[in-house]
C-alpha atoms as a PDB file:
ATOM      1  CA  UNK A   1      38.649 -22.724 -72.885  1.00  0.00           C
ATOM      2  CA  UNK A   2      39.173 -26.237 -72.310  1.00  0.00           C
ATOM      3  CA  UNK A   3      38.306 -30.094 -73.744  1.00  0.00           C
ATOM      4  CA  UNK A   4      38.223 -31.987 -71.317  1.00  0.00           C
ATOM      5  CA  UNK A   5      38.169 -35.104 -73.613  1.00  0.00           C
ATOM      6  CA  UNK A   6      41.579 -34.203 -75.403  1.00  0.00           C
ATOM      7  CA  UNK A   7      42.774 -32.647 -72.018  1.00  0.00           C
ATOM      8  CA  UNK A   8      43.767 -29.285 -74.513  1.00  0.00           C
ATOM      9  CA  UNK A   9      42.888 -25.628 -73.507  1.00  0.00           C
ATOM     10  CA  UNK A  10      44.486 -22.358 -72.727  1.00  0.00           C
ATOM     11  CA  UNK A  11      43.880 -19.840 -69.951  1.00  0.00           C
ATOM     12  CA  UNK A  12      43.959 -16.129 -69.818  1.00  0.00           C
ATOM     13  CA  UNK A  13      46.325 -14.229 -67.776  1.00  0.00           C
ATOM     14  CA  UNK A  14      44.275 -11.063 -65.935  1.00  0.00           C
ATOM     15  CA  UNK A  15      47.419  -8.964 -65.612  1.00  0.00           C
ATOM     16  CA  UNK A  16      48.542  -8.378 -69.843  1.00  0.00           C
ATOM     17  CA  UNK A  17      45.253 -10.852 -71.269  1.00  0.00           C
ATOM     18  CA  UNK A  18      47.789 -13.141 -72.575  1.00  0.00           C
ATOM     19  CA  UNK A  19      46.874 -16.692 -73.399  1.00  0.00           C
ATOM     20  CA  UNK A  20      48.899 -19.811 -71.655  1.00  0.00           C
ATOM     21  CA  UNK A  21      48.292 -23.379 -72.803  1.00  0.00           C
ATOM     22  CA  UNK A  22      47.092 -25.991 -70.006  1.00  0.00           C
ATOM     23  CA  UNK A  23      49.747 -28.628 -69.523  1.00  0.00           C
ATOM     24  CA  UNK A  24      47.483 -32.036 -70.304  1.00  0.00           C
ATOM     25  CA  UNK A  25      47.739 -32.552 -66.177  1.00  0.00           C
ATOM     26  CA  UNK A  26      47.294 -29.199 -65.068  1.00  0.00           C
ATOM     27  CA  UNK A  27      43.521 -30.663 -63.390  1.00  0.00           C
ATOM     28  CA  UNK A  28      45.106 -34.074 -62.668  1.00  0.00           C
ATOM     29  CA  UNK A  29      44.744 -34.107 -58.322  1.00  0.00           C
ATOM     30  CA  UNK A  30      42.555 -30.651 -58.983  1.00  0.00           C
ATOM     31  CA  UNK A  31      38.200 -30.208 -57.933  1.00  0.00           C
ATOM     32  CA  UNK A  32      37.842 -29.863 -61.373  1.00  0.00           C
ATOM     33  CA  UNK A  33      37.081 -32.182 -63.389  1.00  0.00           C
ATOM     34  CA  UNK A  34      36.450 -29.566 -66.477  1.00  0.00           C
ATOM     35  CA  UNK A  35      36.942 -25.677 -66.127  1.00  0.00           C
ATOM     36  CA  UNK A  36      34.169 -22.594 -67.541  1.00  0.00           C
ATOM     37  CA  UNK A  37      34.826 -19.595 -69.306  1.00  0.00           C
ATOM     38  CA  UNK A  38      35.577 -16.733 -67.453  1.00  0.00           C
ATOM     39  CA  UNK A  39      35.980 -18.883 -64.260  1.00  0.00           C
ATOM     40  CA  UNK A  40      38.864 -17.476 -62.082  1.00  0.00           C
ATOM     41  CA  UNK A  41      41.836 -20.323 -61.253  1.00  0.00           C
ATOM     42  CA  UNK A  42      45.408 -20.179 -59.584  1.00  0.00           C
ATOM     43  CA  UNK A  43      48.006 -21.904 -61.747  1.00  0.00           C
ATOM     44  CA  UNK A  44      51.728 -22.333 -61.666  1.00  0.00           C
ATOM     45  CA  UNK A  45      53.839 -22.329 -64.977  1.00  0.00           C
ATOM     46  CA  UNK A  46      55.799 -25.442 -65.378  1.00  0.00           C
ATOM     47  CA  UNK A  47      59.106 -25.669 -67.301  1.00  0.00           C
ATOM     48  CA  UNK A  48      57.829 -25.613 -70.962  1.00  0.00           C
ATOM     49  CA  UNK A  49      55.587 -22.285 -69.656  1.00  0.00           C
ATOM     50  CA  UNK A  50      52.492 -24.246 -69.588  1.00  0.00           C
ATOM     51  CA  UNK A  51      49.721 -23.550 -66.965  1.00  0.00           C
ATOM     52  CA  UNK A  52      49.428 -26.483 -64.096  1.00  0.00           C
ATOM     53  CA  UNK A  53      48.773 -27.205 -60.645  1.00  0.00           C
ATOM     54  CA  UNK A  54      45.367 -25.312 -61.156  1.00  0.00           C
ATOM     55  CA  UNK A  55      43.056 -24.711 -58.084  1.00  0.00           C
ATOM     56  CA  UNK A  56      40.582 -22.125 -57.521  1.00  0.00           C
ATOM     57  CA  UNK A  57      40.947 -18.420 -56.557  1.00  0.00           C
ATOM     58  CA  UNK A  58      42.722 -15.658 -57.594  1.00  0.00           C
ATOM     59  CA  UNK A  59      45.955 -13.527 -57.163  1.00  0.00           C
ATOM     60  CA  UNK A  60      46.032 -11.701 -54.625  1.00  0.00           C
ATOM     61  CA  UNK A  61      48.060  -9.182 -55.570  1.00  0.00           C
ATOM     62  CA  UNK A  62      45.363  -8.108 -57.662  1.00  0.00           C
ATOM     63  CA  UNK A  63      43.313  -6.914 -54.728  1.00  0.00           C
ATOM     64  CA  UNK A  64      40.692  -9.680 -54.899  1.00  0.00           C
ATOM     65  CA  UNK A  65      39.337 -13.017 -53.448  1.00  0.00           C
ATOM     66  CA  UNK A  66      41.035 -15.859 -52.756  1.00  0.00           C
ATOM     67  CA  UNK A  67      40.837 -19.536 -52.106  1.00  0.00           C
ATOM     68  CA  UNK A  68      42.869 -21.752 -50.053  1.00  0.00           C
ATOM     69  CA  UNK A  69      41.976 -25.507 -51.170  1.00  0.00           C
END
């Protein structure tokens, strides 16, 4: 889930269904202006454990198709 007005949201990890809070700048310099529920994305974690550098695709080790941007 993501609120573009407050830039707050969470993503759910495919492997264990854990929730990760999005960093305020997670979509900066991204093709996304917002995220929709169920959309597959790849992200990195910052030093505080928040999702950042969100991009399109899925993790290769899950055997899912990936998209490089």
